[in-house]
PDB file of N, CA and C in Angstrom:
ATOM      1  N   UNK A   1       0.837  -1.186   0.000  1.00  0.00           N
ATOM      2  CA  UNK A   1       0.000   0.000   0.000  1.00  0.00           C
ATOM      3  C   UNK A   1       0.879   1.246   0.000  1.00  0.00           C
ATOM      4  N   UNK A   2       0.316   2.322  -0.498  1.00  0.00           N
ATOM      5  CA  UNK A   2       1.048   3.582  -0.515  1.00  0.00           C
ATOM      6  C   UNK A   2       1.055   4.259   0.849  1.00  0.00           C
ATOM      7  N   UNK A   3       0.208   3.820   1.761  1.00  0.00           N
ATOM      8  CA  UNK A   3       0.156   4.385   3.106  1.00  0.00           C
ATOM      9  C   UNK A   3      -0.313   3.314   4.088  1.00  0.00           C
ATOM     10  N   UNK A   4       0.008   3.513   5.345  1.00  0.00           N
ATOM     11  CA  UNK A   4      -0.488   2.566   6.348  1.00  0.00           C
ATOM     12  C   UNK A   4      -1.715   3.106   7.077  1.00  0.00           C
ATOM     13  N   UNK A   5      -2.205   4.262   6.657  1.00  0.00           N
ATOM     14  CA  UNK A   5      -3.410   4.870   7.225  1.00  0.00           C
ATOM     15  C   UNK A   5      -4.385   5.163   6.093  1.00  0.00           C
ATOM     16  N   UNK A   6      -5.610   4.733   6.248  1.00  0.00           N
ATOM     17  CA  UNK A   6      -6.623   4.958   5.224  1.00  0.00           C
ATOM     18  C   UNK A   6      -7.612   5.989   5.755  1.00  0.00           C
ATOM     19  N   UNK A   7      -7.844   7.080   5.018  1.00  0.00           N
ATOM     20  CA  UNK A   7      -8.800   8.098   5.480  1.00  0.00           C
ATOM     21  C   UNK A   7     -10.190   7.484   5.677  1.00  0.00           C
ATOM     22  N   UNK A   8     -10.872   7.925   6.722  1.00  0.00           N
ATOM     23  CA  UNK A   8     -12.180   7.343   7.054  1.00  0.00           C
ATOM     24  C   UNK A   8     -13.323   7.916   6.223  1.00  0.00           C
ATOM     25  N   UNK A   9     -13.104   9.052   5.569  1.00  0.00           N
ATOM     26  CA  UNK A   9     -14.157   9.641   4.732  1.00  0.00           C
ATOM     27  C   UNK A   9     -13.563  10.067   3.398  1.00  0.00           C
ATOM     28  N   UNK A  10     -14.419  10.203   2.422  1.00  0.00           N
ATOM     29  CA  UNK A  10     -13.989  10.661   1.111  1.00  0.00           C
ATOM     30  C   UNK A  10     -13.431  12.078   1.156  1.00  0.00           C
ATOM     31  N   UNK A  11     -14.056  12.935   1.971  1.00  0.00           N
ATOM     32  CA  UNK A  11     -13.599  14.315   2.090  1.00  0.00           C
ATOM     33  C   UNK A  11     -12.197  14.379   2.698  1.00  0.00           C
ATOM     34  N   UNK A  12     -11.943  13.565   3.721  1.00  0.00           N
ATOM     35  CA  UNK A  12     -10.623  13.531   4.342  1.00  0.00           C
ATOM     36  C   UNK A  12      -9.572  13.042   3.341  1.00  0.00           C
ATOM     37  N   UNK A  13      -9.917  12.063   2.538  1.00  0.00           N
ATOM     38  CA  UNK A  13      -8.999  11.563   1.507  1.00  0.00           C
ATOM     39  C   UNK A  13      -8.674  12.665   0.505  1.00  0.00           C
ATOM     40  N   UNK A  14      -9.698  13.433   0.130  1.00  0.00           N
ATOM     41  CA  UNK A  14      -9.511  14.529  -0.820  1.00  0.00           C
ATOM     42  C   UNK A  14      -8.630  15.620  -0.216  1.00  0.00           C
ATOM     43  N   UNK A  15      -8.870  15.949   1.050  1.00  0.00           N
ATOM     44  CA  UNK A  15      -8.097  16.990   1.723  1.00  0.00           C
ATOM     45  C   UNK A  15      -6.633  16.587   1.904  1.00  0.00           C
ATOM     46  N   UNK A  16      -6.383  15.301   2.180  1.00  0.00           N
ATOM     47  CA  UNK A  16      -5.003  14.829   2.383  1.00  0.00           C
ATOM     48  C   UNK A  16      -4.212  14.840   1.093  1.00  0.00           C
ATOM     49  N   UNK A  17      -4.840  14.490   0.012  1.00  0.00           N
ATOM     50  CA  UNK A  17      -4.167  14.468  -1.270  1.00  0.00           C
ATOM     51  C   UNK A  17      -3.165  13.330  -1.424  1.00  0.00           C
ATOM     52  N   UNK A  18      -3.230  12.348  -0.547  1.00  0.00           N
ATOM     53  CA  UNK A  18      -2.322  11.206  -0.646  1.00  0.00           C
ATOM     54  C   UNK A  18      -2.959  10.157  -1.564  1.00  0.00           C
ATOM     55  N   UNK A  19      -2.268   9.780  -2.631  1.00  0.00           N
ATOM     56  CA  UNK A  19      -2.849   8.747  -3.496  1.00  0.00           C
ATOM     57  C   UNK A  19      -2.912   7.411  -2.755  1.00  0.00           C
ATOM     58  N   UNK A  20      -4.017   6.740  -2.892  1.00  0.00           N
ATOM     59  CA  UNK A  20      -4.198   5.447  -2.241  1.00  0.00           C
ATOM     60  C   UNK A  20      -4.085   4.362  -3.306  1.00  0.00           C
ATOM     61  N   UNK A  21      -3.129   3.462  -3.111  1.00  0.00           N
ATOM     62  CA  UNK A  21      -2.928   2.365  -4.050  1.00  0.00           C
ATOM     63  C   UNK A  21      -2.478   1.134  -3.290  1.00  0.00           C
ATOM     64  N   UNK A  22      -2.769  -0.009  -3.863  1.00  0.00           N
ATOM     65  CA  UNK A  22      -2.363  -1.278  -3.259  1.00  0.00           C
ATOM     66  C   UNK A  22      -2.080  -2.265  -4.385  1.00  0.00           C
ATOM     67  N   UNK A  23      -1.077  -3.095  -4.196  1.00  0.00           N
ATOM     68  CA  UNK A  23      -0.754  -4.142  -5.154  1.00  0.00           C
ATOM     69  C   UNK A  23      -1.041  -5.479  -4.482  1.00  0.00           C
ATOM     70  N   UNK A  24      -1.889  -6.273  -5.098  1.00  0.00           N
ATOM     71  CA  UNK A  24      -2.248  -7.586  -4.567  1.00  0.00           C
ATOM     72  C   UNK A  24      -1.877  -8.631  -5.604  1.00  0.00           C
ATOM     73  N   UNK A  25      -1.108  -9.631  -5.187  1.00  0.00           N
ATOM     74  CA  UNK A  25      -0.700 -10.706  -6.094  1.00  0.00           C
ATOM     75  C   UNK A  25      -1.069 -12.053  -5.478  1.00  0.00           C
ATOM     76  N   UNK A  26      -2.342 -12.408  -5.534  1.00  0.00           N
ATOM     77  CA  UNK A  26      -2.735 -13.672  -4.896  1.00  0.00           C
ATOM     78  C   UNK A  26      -2.107 -14.894  -5.549  1.00  0.00           C
ATOM     79  N   UNK A  27      -1.728 -14.799  -6.809  1.00  0.00           N
ATOM     80  CA  UNK A  27      -1.131 -15.937  -7.485  1.00  0.00           C
ATOM     81  C   UNK A  27       0.305 -15.650  -7.896  1.00  0.00           C
ATOM     82  N   UNK A  28       0.983 -14.805  -7.144  1.00  0.00           N
ATOM     83  CA  UNK A  28       2.395 -14.543  -7.389  1.00  0.00           C
ATOM     84  C   UNK A  28       3.217 -15.743  -6.957  1.00  0.00           C
ATOM     85  N   UNK A  29       4.493 -15.669  -7.154  1.00  0.00           N
ATOM     86  CA  UNK A  29       5.375 -16.775  -6.770  1.00  0.00           C
ATOM     87  C   UNK A  29       5.373 -16.946  -5.255  1.00  0.00           C
ATOM     88  N   UNK A  30       5.630 -18.143  -4.817  1.00  0.00           N
ATOM     89  CA  UNK A  30       5.737 -18.436  -3.394  1.00  0.00           C
ATOM     90  C   UNK A  30       6.996 -17.779  -2.845  1.00  0.00           C
ATOM     91  N   UNK A  31       7.071 -17.549  -1.528  1.00  0.00           N
ATOM     92  CA  UNK A  31       8.260 -16.898  -0.959  1.00  0.00           C
ATOM     93  C   UNK A  31       9.567 -17.599  -1.326  1.00  0.00           C
ATOM     94  N   UNK A  32       9.517 -18.901  -1.518  1.00  0.00           N
ATOM     95  CA  UNK A  32      10.736 -19.640  -1.857  1.00  0.00           C
ATOM     96  C   UNK A  32      11.126 -19.462  -3.328  1.00  0.00           C
ATOM     97  N   UNK A  33      10.278 -18.770  -4.106  1.00  0.00           N
ATOM     98  CA  UNK A  33      10.560 -18.577  -5.521  1.00  0.00           C
ATOM     99  C   UNK A  33       9.931 -19.632  -6.411  1.00  0.00           C
ATOM    100  N   UNK A  34       9.328 -20.650  -5.809  1.00  0.00           N
ATOM    101  CA  UNK A  34       8.664 -21.699  -6.587  1.00  0.00           C
ATOM    102  C   UNK A  34       7.415 -21.130  -7.256  1.00  0.00           C
ATOM    103  N   UNK A  35       6.981 -21.783  -8.305  1.00  0.00           N
ATOM    104  CA  UNK A  35       5.728 -21.419  -8.938  1.00  0.00           C
ATOM    105  C   UNK A  35       4.570 -21.932  -8.087  1.00  0.00           C
ATOM    106  N   UNK A  36       3.383 -21.373  -8.306  1.00  0.00           N
ATOM    107  CA  UNK A  36       2.190 -21.831  -7.590  1.00  0.00           C
ATOM    108  C   UNK A  36       1.938 -23.284  -7.990  1.00  0.00           C
ATOM    109  N   UNK A  37       1.758 -24.176  -7.012  1.00  0.00           N
ATOM    110  CA  UNK A  37       1.510 -25.587  -7.339  1.00  0.00           C
ATOM    111  C   UNK A  37       0.152 -25.778  -8.004  1.00  0.00           C
ATOM    112  N   UNK A  38       0.058 -26.836  -8.784  1.00  0.00           N
ATOM    113  CA  UNK A  38      -1.191 -27.170  -9.464  1.00  0.00           C
ATOM    114  C   UNK A  38      -1.772 -28.438  -8.869  1.00  0.00           C
ATOM    115  N   UNK A  39      -3.100 -28.468  -8.838  1.00  0.00           N
ATOM    116  CA  UNK A  39      -3.808 -29.653  -8.367  1.00  0.00           C
ATOM    117  C   UNK A  39      -4.698 -30.142  -9.493  1.00  0.00           C
ATOM    118  N   UNK A  40      -4.485 -31.379  -9.899  1.00  0.00           N
ATOM    119  CA  UNK A  40      -5.217 -31.956 -11.017  1.00  0.00           C
ATOM    120  C   UNK A  40      -6.029 -33.144 -10.510  1.00  0.00           C
ATOM    121  N   UNK A  41      -7.310 -33.121 -10.757  1.00  0.00           N
ATOM    122  CA  UNK A  41      -8.197 -34.190 -10.306  1.00  0.00           C
ATOM    123  C   UNK A  41      -8.460 -35.210 -11.413  1.00  0.00           C
ATOM    124  N   UNK A  42      -7.643 -35.192 -12.438  1.00  0.00           N
ATOM    125  CA  UNK A  42      -7.683 -36.172 -13.535  1.00  0.00           C
ATOM    126  C   UNK A  42      -9.081 -36.333 -14.129  1.00  0.00           C
ATOM    127  N   UNK A  43      -9.701 -35.208 -14.437  1.00  0.00           N
ATOM    128  CA  UNK A  43     -11.013 -35.246 -15.080  1.00  0.00           C
ATOM    129  C   UNK A  43     -12.176 -35.405 -14.119  1.00  0.00           C
ATOM    130  N   UNK A  44     -11.914 -35.662 -12.872  1.00  0.00           N
ATOM    131  CA  UNK A  44     -12.973 -35.776 -11.861  1.00  0.00           C
ATOM    132  C   UNK A  44     -13.298 -34.381 -11.337  1.00  0.00           C
ATOM    133  N   UNK A  45     -14.487 -34.204 -10.749  1.00  0.00           N
ATOM    134  CA  UNK A  45     -14.838 -32.885 -10.216  1.00  0.00           C
ATOM    135  C   UNK A  45     -13.895 -32.452  -9.088  1.00  0.00           C
ATOM    136  N   UNK A  46     -13.628 -31.149  -9.033  1.00  0.00           N
ATOM    137  CA  UNK A  46     -12.838 -30.591  -7.945  1.00  0.00           C
ATOM    138  C   UNK A  46     -13.645 -30.752  -6.663  1.00  0.00           C
ATOM    139  N   UNK A  47     -12.981 -31.157  -5.601  1.00  0.00           N
ATOM    140  CA  UNK A  47     -13.676 -31.400  -4.335  1.00  0.00           C
ATOM    141  C   UNK A  47     -14.063 -30.060  -3.712  1.00  0.00           C
ATOM    142  N   UNK A  48     -15.381 -29.918  -3.461  1.00  0.00           N
ATOM    143  CA  UNK A  48     -15.928 -28.687  -2.886  1.00  0.00           C
ATOM    144  C   UNK A  48     -16.984 -29.036  -1.855  1.00  0.00           C
ATOM    145  N   UNK A  49     -17.200 -28.124  -0.926  1.00  0.00           N
ATOM    146  CA  UNK A  49     -18.223 -28.312   0.099  1.00  0.00           C
ATOM    147  C   UNK A  49     -19.603 -28.316  -0.549  1.00  0.00           C
ATOM    148  N   UNK A  50     -20.425 -29.264  -0.163  1.00  0.00           N
ATOM    149  CA  UNK A  50     -21.760 -29.357  -0.760  1.00  0.00           C
ATOM    150  C   UNK A  50     -22.676 -28.219  -0.310  1.00  0.00           C
ATOM    151  N   UNK A  51     -22.362 -27.594   0.813  1.00  0.00           N
ATOM    152  CA  UNK A  51     -23.211 -26.520   1.343  1.00  0.00           C
ATOM    153  C   UNK A  51     -22.789 -25.142   0.840  1.00  0.00           C
ATOM    154  N   UNK A  52     -21.544 -24.736   1.105  1.00  0.00           N
ATOM    155  CA  UNK A  52     -21.113 -23.376   0.760  1.00  0.00           C
ATOM    156  C   UNK A  52     -20.276 -23.310  -0.520  1.00  0.00           C
ATOM    157  N   UNK A  53     -19.901 -24.468  -1.062  1.00  0.00           N
ATOM    158  CA  UNK A  53     -19.138 -24.593  -2.305  1.00  0.00           C
ATOM    159  C   UNK A  53     -17.684 -24.160  -2.165  1.00  0.00           C
ATOM    160  N   UNK A  54     -17.156 -24.066  -0.937  1.00  0.00           N
ATOM    161  CA  UNK A  54     -15.740 -23.762  -0.732  1.00  0.00           C
ATOM    162  C   UNK A  54     -14.898 -24.906  -1.281  1.00  0.00           C
ATOM    163  N   UNK A  55     -13.748 -24.571  -1.823  1.00  0.00           N
ATOM    164  CA  UNK A  55     -12.834 -25.581  -2.343  1.00  0.00           C
ATOM    165  C   UNK A  55     -12.113 -26.280  -1.195  1.00  0.00           C
ATOM    166  N   UNK A  56     -11.744 -27.523  -1.438  1.00  0.00           N
ATOM    167  CA  UNK A  56     -10.933 -28.263  -0.470  1.00  0.00           C
ATOM    168  C   UNK A  56      -9.659 -27.468  -0.229  1.00  0.00           C
ATOM    169  N   UNK A  57      -9.183 -27.430   1.017  1.00  0.00           N
ATOM    170  CA  UNK A  57      -8.036 -26.595   1.349  1.00  0.00           C
ATOM    171  C   UNK A  57      -7.323 -27.155   2.576  1.00  0.00           C
ATOM    172  N   UNK A  58      -6.176 -26.598   2.931  1.00  0.00           N
ATOM    173  CA  UNK A  58      -5.398 -27.152   4.041  1.00  0.00           C
ATOM    174  C   UNK A  58      -6.078 -27.075   5.401  1.00  0.00           C
ATOM    175  N   UNK A  59      -7.162 -26.320   5.517  1.00  0.00           N
ATOM    176  CA  UNK A  59      -7.775 -26.096   6.817  1.00  0.00           C
ATOM    177  C   UNK A  59      -9.026 -26.935   7.067  1.00  0.00           C
ATOM    178  N   UNK A  60      -9.400 -27.800   6.114  1.00  0.00           N
ATOM    179  CA  UNK A  60     -10.509 -28.725   6.369  1.00  0.00           C
ATOM    180  C   UNK A  60     -10.012 -29.803   7.326  1.00  0.00           C
ATOM    181  N   UNK A  61     -10.937 -30.447   8.007  1.00  0.00           N
ATOM    182  CA  UNK A  61     -10.583 -31.524   8.936  1.00  0.00           C
ATOM    183  C   UNK A  61     -11.182 -32.819   8.418  1.00  0.00           C
ATOM    184  N   UNK A  62     -10.356 -33.840   8.296  1.00  0.00           N
ATOM    185  CA  UNK A  62     -10.834 -35.155   7.882  1.00  0.00           C
ATOM    186  C   UNK A  62     -11.191 -35.960   9.122  1.00  0.00           C
ATOM    187  N   UNK A  63     -12.350 -36.613   9.067  1.00  0.00           N
ATOM    188  CA  UNK A  63     -12.829 -37.419  10.192  1.00  0.00           C
ATOM    189  C   UNK A  63     -13.253 -38.793   9.680  1.00  0.00           C
ATOM    190  N   UNK A  64     -13.514 -39.688  10.613  1.00  0.00           N
ATOM    191  CA  UNK A  64     -13.962 -41.048  10.302  1.00  0.00           C
ATOM    192  C   UNK A  64     -13.025 -41.729   9.305  1.00  0.00           C
ATOM    193  N   UNK A  65     -11.726 -41.691   9.631  1.00  0.00           N
ATOM    194  CA  UNK A  65     -10.671 -42.303   8.827  1.00  0.00           C
ATOM    195  C   UNK A  65     -10.648 -41.794   7.381  1.00  0.00           C
ATOM    196  N   UNK A  66     -10.994 -40.533   7.196  1.00  0.00           N
ATOM    197  CA  UNK A  66     -10.920 -39.925   5.873  1.00  0.00           C
ATOM    198  C   UNK A  66     -12.166 -40.069   5.027  1.00  0.00           C
ATOM    199  N   UNK A  67     -13.205 -40.734   5.533  1.00  0.00           N
ATOM    200  CA  UNK A  67     -14.422 -40.909   4.736  1.00  0.00           C
ATOM    201  C   UNK A  67     -15.282 -39.657   4.716  1.00  0.00           C
ATOM    202  N   UNK A  68     -15.015 -38.728   5.636  1.00  0.00           N
ATOM    203  CA  UNK A  68     -15.747 -37.458   5.687  1.00  0.00           C
ATOM    204  C   UNK A  68     -14.766 -36.331   5.977  1.00  0.00           C
ATOM    205  N   UNK A  69     -15.169 -35.120   5.599  1.00  0.00           N
ATOM    206  CA  UNK A  69     -14.368 -33.948   5.924  1.00  0.00           C
ATOM    207  C   UNK A  69     -15.286 -32.810   6.339  1.00  0.00           C
ATOM    208  N   UNK A  70     -14.764 -31.961   7.234  1.00  0.00           N
ATOM    209  CA  UNK A  70     -15.538 -30.852   7.766  1.00  0.00           C
ATOM    210  C   UNK A  70     -15.028 -29.560   7.147  1.00  0.00           C
ATOM    211  N   UNK A  71     -15.939 -28.832   6.519  1.00  0.00           N
ATOM    212  CA  UNK A  71     -15.598 -27.566   5.865  1.00  0.00           C
ATOM    213  C   UNK A  71     -15.173 -26.547   6.923  1.00  0.00           C
ATOM    214  N   UNK A  72     -14.067 -25.874   6.686  1.00  0.00           N
ATOM    215  CA  UNK A  72     -13.592 -24.873   7.628  1.00  0.00           C
ATOM    216  C   UNK A  72     -14.342 -23.555   7.519  1.00  0.00           C
ATOM    217  N   UNK A  73     -15.171 -23.383   6.486  1.00  0.00           N
ATOM    218  CA  UNK A  73     -15.950 -22.152   6.342  1.00  0.00           C
ATOM    219  C   UNK A  73     -17.323 -22.268   6.992  1.00  0.00           C
ATOM    220  N   UNK A  74     -18.073 -23.296   6.628  1.00  0.00           N
ATOM    221  CA  UNK A  74     -19.452 -23.403   7.125  1.00  0.00           C
ATOM    222  C   UNK A  74     -19.651 -24.528   8.142  1.00  0.00           C
ATOM    223  N   UNK A  75     -18.617 -25.324   8.377  1.00  0.00           N
ATOM    224  CA  UNK A  75     -18.627 -26.436   9.350  1.00  0.00           C
ATOM    225  C   UNK A  75     -19.526 -27.596   8.936  1.00  0.00           C
ATOM    226  N   UNK A  76     -19.954 -27.636   7.687  1.00  0.00           N
ATOM    227  CA  UNK A  76     -20.770 -28.745   7.200  1.00  0.00           C
ATOM    228  C   UNK A  76     -19.896 -29.993   7.044  1.00  0.00           C
ATOM    229  N   UNK A  77     -20.479 -31.149   7.284  1.00  0.00           N
ATOM    230  CA  UNK A  77     -19.762 -32.419   7.127  1.00  0.00           C
ATOM    231  C   UNK A  77     -20.039 -32.949   5.726  1.00  0.00           C
ATOM    232  N   UNK A  78     -18.984 -33.229   4.985  1.00  0.00           N
ATOM    233  CA  UNK A  78     -19.083 -33.708   3.605  1.00  0.00           C
ATOM    234  C   UNK A  78     -18.553 -35.123   3.510  1.00  0.00           C
ATOM    235  N   UNK A  79     -19.159 -35.930   2.653  1.00  0.00           N
ATOM    236  CA  UNK A  79     -18.618 -37.255   2.350  1.00  0.00           C
ATOM    237  C   UNK A  79     -17.434 -37.087   1.419  1.00  0.00           C
ATOM    238  N   UNK A  80     -16.402 -37.879   1.635  1.00  0.00           N
ATOM    239  CA  UNK A  80     -15.246 -37.875   0.744  1.00  0.00           C
ATOM    240  C   UNK A  80     -15.555 -38.802  -0.427  1.00  0.00           C
ATOM    241  N   UNK A  81     -15.512 -38.266  -1.627  1.00  0.00           N
ATOM    242  CA  UNK A  81     -15.783 -39.073  -2.817  1.00  0.00           C
ATOM    243  C   UNK A  81     -14.741 -40.183  -2.939  1.00  0.00           C
ATOM    244  N   UNK A  82     -15.133 -41.299  -3.509  1.00  0.00           N
ATOM    245  CA  UNK A  82     -14.240 -42.462  -3.586  1.00  0.00           C
ATOM    246  C   UNK A  82     -12.947 -42.139  -4.338  1.00  0.00           C
ATOM    247  N   UNK A  83     -13.005 -41.306  -5.379  1.00  0.00           N
ATOM    248  CA  UNK A  83     -11.801 -40.981  -6.141  1.00  0.00           C
ATOM    249  C   UNK A  83     -10.842 -40.087  -5.350  1.00  0.00           C
ATOM    250  N   UNK A  84     -11.319 -39.489  -4.265  1.00  0.00           N
ATOM    251  CA  UNK A  84     -10.486 -38.589  -3.473  1.00  0.00           C
ATOM    252  C   UNK A  84     -10.106 -39.183  -2.114  1.00  0.00           C
ATOM    253  N   UNK A  85     -10.633 -40.328  -1.799  1.00  0.00           N
ATOM    254  CA  UNK A  85     -10.430 -40.926  -0.480  1.00  0.00           C
ATOM    255  C   UNK A  85      -8.974 -41.326  -0.239  1.00  0.00           C
ATOM    256  N   UNK A  86      -8.536 -41.098   0.970  1.00  0.00           N
ATOM    257  CA  UNK A  86      -7.270 -41.615   1.484  1.00  0.00           C
ATOM    258  C   UNK A  86      -7.471 -41.819   2.980  1.00  0.00           C
ATOM    259  N   UNK A  87      -6.908 -42.878   3.493  1.00  0.00           N
ATOM    260  CA  UNK A  87      -6.981 -43.120   4.932  1.00  0.00           C
ATOM    261  C   UNK A  87      -6.229 -42.012   5.662  1.00  0.00           C
ATOM    262  N   UNK A  88      -6.520 -41.870   6.946  1.00  0.00           N
ATOM    263  CA  UNK A  88      -5.852 -40.853   7.759  1.00  0.00           C
ATOM    264  C   UNK A  88      -5.076 -41.518   8.888  1.00  0.00           C
ATOM    265  N   UNK A  89      -4.103 -40.763   9.420  1.00  0.00           N
ATOM    266  CA  UNK A  89      -3.367 -41.267  10.581  1.00  0.00           C
ATOM    267  C   UNK A  89      -4.164 -40.953  11.851  1.00  0.00           C
ATOM    268  N   UNK A  90      -3.592 -41.213  13.007  1.00  0.00           N
ATOM    269  CA  UNK A  90      -4.338 -41.014  14.254  1.00  0.00           C
ATOM    270  C   UNK A  90      -4.626 -39.538  14.536  1.00  0.00           C
ATOM    271  N   UNK A  91      -3.921 -38.632  13.858  1.00  0.00           N
ATOM    272  CA  UNK A  91      -4.158 -37.189  14.016  1.00  0.00           C
ATOM    273  C   UNK A  91      -5.152 -36.636  13.000  1.00  0.00           C
ATOM    274  N   UNK A  92      -5.701 -37.495  12.148  1.00  0.00           N
ATOM    275  CA  UNK A  92      -6.642 -37.054  11.126  1.00  0.00           C
ATOM    276  C   UNK A  92      -5.985 -36.506   9.881  1.00  0.00           C
ATOM    277  N   UNK A  93      -4.677 -36.688   9.742  1.00  0.00           N
ATOM    278  CA  UNK A  93      -3.961 -36.211   8.554  1.00  0.00           C
ATOM    279  C   UNK A  93      -3.941 -37.313   7.507  1.00  0.00           C
ATOM    280  N   UNK A  94      -4.267 -36.952   6.280  1.00  0.00           N
ATOM    281  CA  UNK A  94      -4.297 -37.933   5.195  1.00  0.00           C
ATOM    282  C   UNK A  94      -2.918 -38.521   4.954  1.00  0.00           C
ATOM    283  N   UNK A  95      -2.893 -39.799   4.594  1.00  0.00           N
ATOM    284  CA  UNK A  95      -1.623 -40.467   4.337  1.00  0.00           C
ATOM    285  C   UNK A  95      -1.006 -40.029   3.010  1.00  0.00           C
ATOM    286  N   UNK A  96      -1.822 -39.465   2.110  1.00  0.00           N
ATOM    287  CA  UNK A  96      -1.300 -39.012   0.814  1.00  0.00           C
ATOM    288  C   UNK A  96      -1.073 -37.503   0.762  1.00  0.00           C
ATOM    289  N   UNK A  97      -0.937 -36.855   1.898  1.00  0.00           N
ATOM    290  CA  UNK A  97      -0.845 -35.389   1.932  1.00  0.00           C
ATOM    291  C   UNK A  97       0.325 -34.848   1.102  1.00  0.00           C
ATOM    292  N   UNK A  98       1.404 -35.605   0.993  1.00  0.00           N
ATOM    293  CA  UNK A  98       2.552 -35.148   0.197  1.00  0.00           C
ATOM    294  C   UNK A  98       2.236 -35.076  -1.289  1.00  0.00           C
ATOM    295  N   UNK A  99       1.187 -35.759  -1.734  1.00  0.00           N
ATOM    296  CA  UNK A  99       0.787 -35.757  -3.141  1.00  0.00           C
ATOM    297  C   UNK A  99      -0.415 -34.857  -3.397  1.00  0.00           C
ATOM    298  N   UNK A 100      -0.840 -34.087  -2.406  1.00  0.00           N
ATOM    299  CA  UNK A 100      -2.028 -33.242  -2.512  1.00  0.00           C
ATOM    300  C   UNK A 100      -1.693 -31.787  -2.193  1.00  0.00           C
ATOM    301  N   UNK A 101      -1.256 -31.015  -3.199  1.00  0.00           N
ATOM    302  CA  UNK A 101      -0.890 -29.619  -2.931  1.00  0.00           C
ATOM    303  C   UNK A 101      -2.056 -28.795  -2.394  1.00  0.00           C
ATOM    304  N   UNK A 102      -3.289 -29.171  -2.740  1.00  0.00           N
ATOM    305  CA  UNK A 102      -4.452 -28.428  -2.253  1.00  0.00           C
ATOM    306  C   UNK A 102      -4.624 -28.554  -0.740  1.00  0.00           C
ATOM    307  N   UNK A 103      -3.947 -29.526  -0.135  1.00  0.00           N
ATOM    308  CA  UNK A 103      -4.009 -29.707   1.312  1.00  0.00           C
ATOM    309  C   UNK A 103      -2.763 -29.191   2.018  1.00  0.00           C
ATOM    310  N   UNK A 104      -1.828 -28.635   1.251  1.00  0.00           N
ATOM    311  CA  UNK A 104      -0.577 -28.171   1.835  1.00  0.00           C
ATOM    312  C   UNK A 104      -0.307 -26.683   1.605  1.00  0.00           C
ATOM    313  N   UNK A 105      -0.902 -26.081   0.583  1.00  0.00           N
ATOM    314  CA  UNK A 105      -0.625 -24.688   0.239  1.00  0.00           C
ATOM    315  C   UNK A 105      -1.901 -23.851   0.297  1.00  0.00           C
ATOM    316  N   UNK A 106      -1.749 -22.600   0.688  1.00  0.00           N
ATOM    317  CA  UNK A 106      -2.883 -21.685   0.739  1.00  0.00           C
ATOM    318  C   UNK A 106      -3.300 -21.185  -0.628  1.00  0.00           C
ATOM    319  N   UNK A 107      -2.374 -21.118  -1.570  1.00  0.00           N
ATOM    320  CA  UNK A 107      -2.676 -20.703  -2.948  1.00  0.00           C
ATOM    321  C   UNK A 107      -2.242 -21.810  -3.887  1.00  0.00           C
ATOM    322  N   UNK A 108      -3.192 -22.296  -4.653  1.00  0.00           N
ATOM    323  CA  UNK A 108      -2.873 -23.299  -5.664  1.00  0.00           C
ATOM    324  C   UNK A 108      -3.696 -23.011  -6.905  1.00  0.00           C
ATOM    325  N   UNK A 109      -3.335 -23.644  -7.984  1.00  0.00           N
ATOM    326  CA  UNK A 109      -4.061 -23.507  -9.244  1.00  0.00           C
ATOM    327  C   UNK A 109      -4.748 -24.831  -9.511  1.00  0.00           C
ATOM    328  N   UNK A 110      -6.091 -24.832  -9.427  1.00  0.00           N
ATOM    329  CA  UNK A 110      -6.851 -26.050  -9.724  1.00  0.00           C
ATOM    330  C   UNK A 110      -6.962 -26.207 -11.242  1.00  0.00           C
ATOM    331  N   UNK A 111      -6.637 -27.389 -11.738  1.00  0.00           N
ATOM    332  CA  UNK A 111      -6.843 -27.701 -13.147  1.00  0.00           C
ATOM    333  C   UNK A 111      -8.244 -28.271 -13.255  1.00  0.00           C
ATOM    334  N   UNK A 112      -9.123 -27.496 -13.873  1.00  0.00           N
ATOM    335  CA  UNK A 112     -10.537 -27.858 -13.924  1.00  0.00           C
ATOM    336  C   UNK A 112     -10.815 -28.905 -15.007  1.00  0.00           C
ATOM    337  N   UNK A 113     -11.839 -29.709 -14.764  1.00  0.00           N
ATOM    338  CA  UNK A 113     -12.272 -30.712 -15.746  1.00  0.00           C
ATOM    339  C   UNK A 113     -13.132 -30.019 -16.807  1.00  0.00           C
ATOM    340  N   UNK A 114     -13.557 -30.763 -17.800  1.00  0.00           N
ATOM    341  CA  UNK A 114     -14.391 -30.218 -18.878  1.00  0.00           C
ATOM    342  C   UNK A 114     -15.707 -29.662 -18.346  1.00  0.00           C
ATOM    343  N   UNK A 115     -16.197 -30.182 -17.206  1.00  0.00           N
ATOM    344  CA  UNK A 115     -17.459 -29.725 -16.624  1.00  0.00           C
ATOM    345  C   UNK A 115     -17.414 -28.241 -16.259  1.00  0.00           C
ATOM    346  N   UNK A 116     -16.219 -27.714 -15.990  1.00  0.00           N
ATOM    347  CA  UNK A 116     -16.112 -26.317 -15.598  1.00  0.00           C
ATOM    348  C   UNK A 116     -15.965 -25.430 -16.808  1.00  0.00           C
TER     349      UNK A 116
END
């Protein structure tokens, strides 16, 4: 941002004369310099919450040995589709987490199927 203080009214912004600008790069490179990871569901639908439609992400919780997951946005319990199922360890972490960038990174690029 061009400033760390944002005027509370339009008139105050006009009187200050400070240009307000911000640069947002949600899909910029990761801090390590790596490119944004991609998640490919091999033609299957991207896993999303049935209630709020949030995408699967690192903050969902897997329960019942991975057969269900709890959305971190709306707290709805979703069934894990058979093509996405993986058993979990005693902490509820999927055993295939190293192969699932959508469960490890906050920003990823989903490769959508033809349905999208």
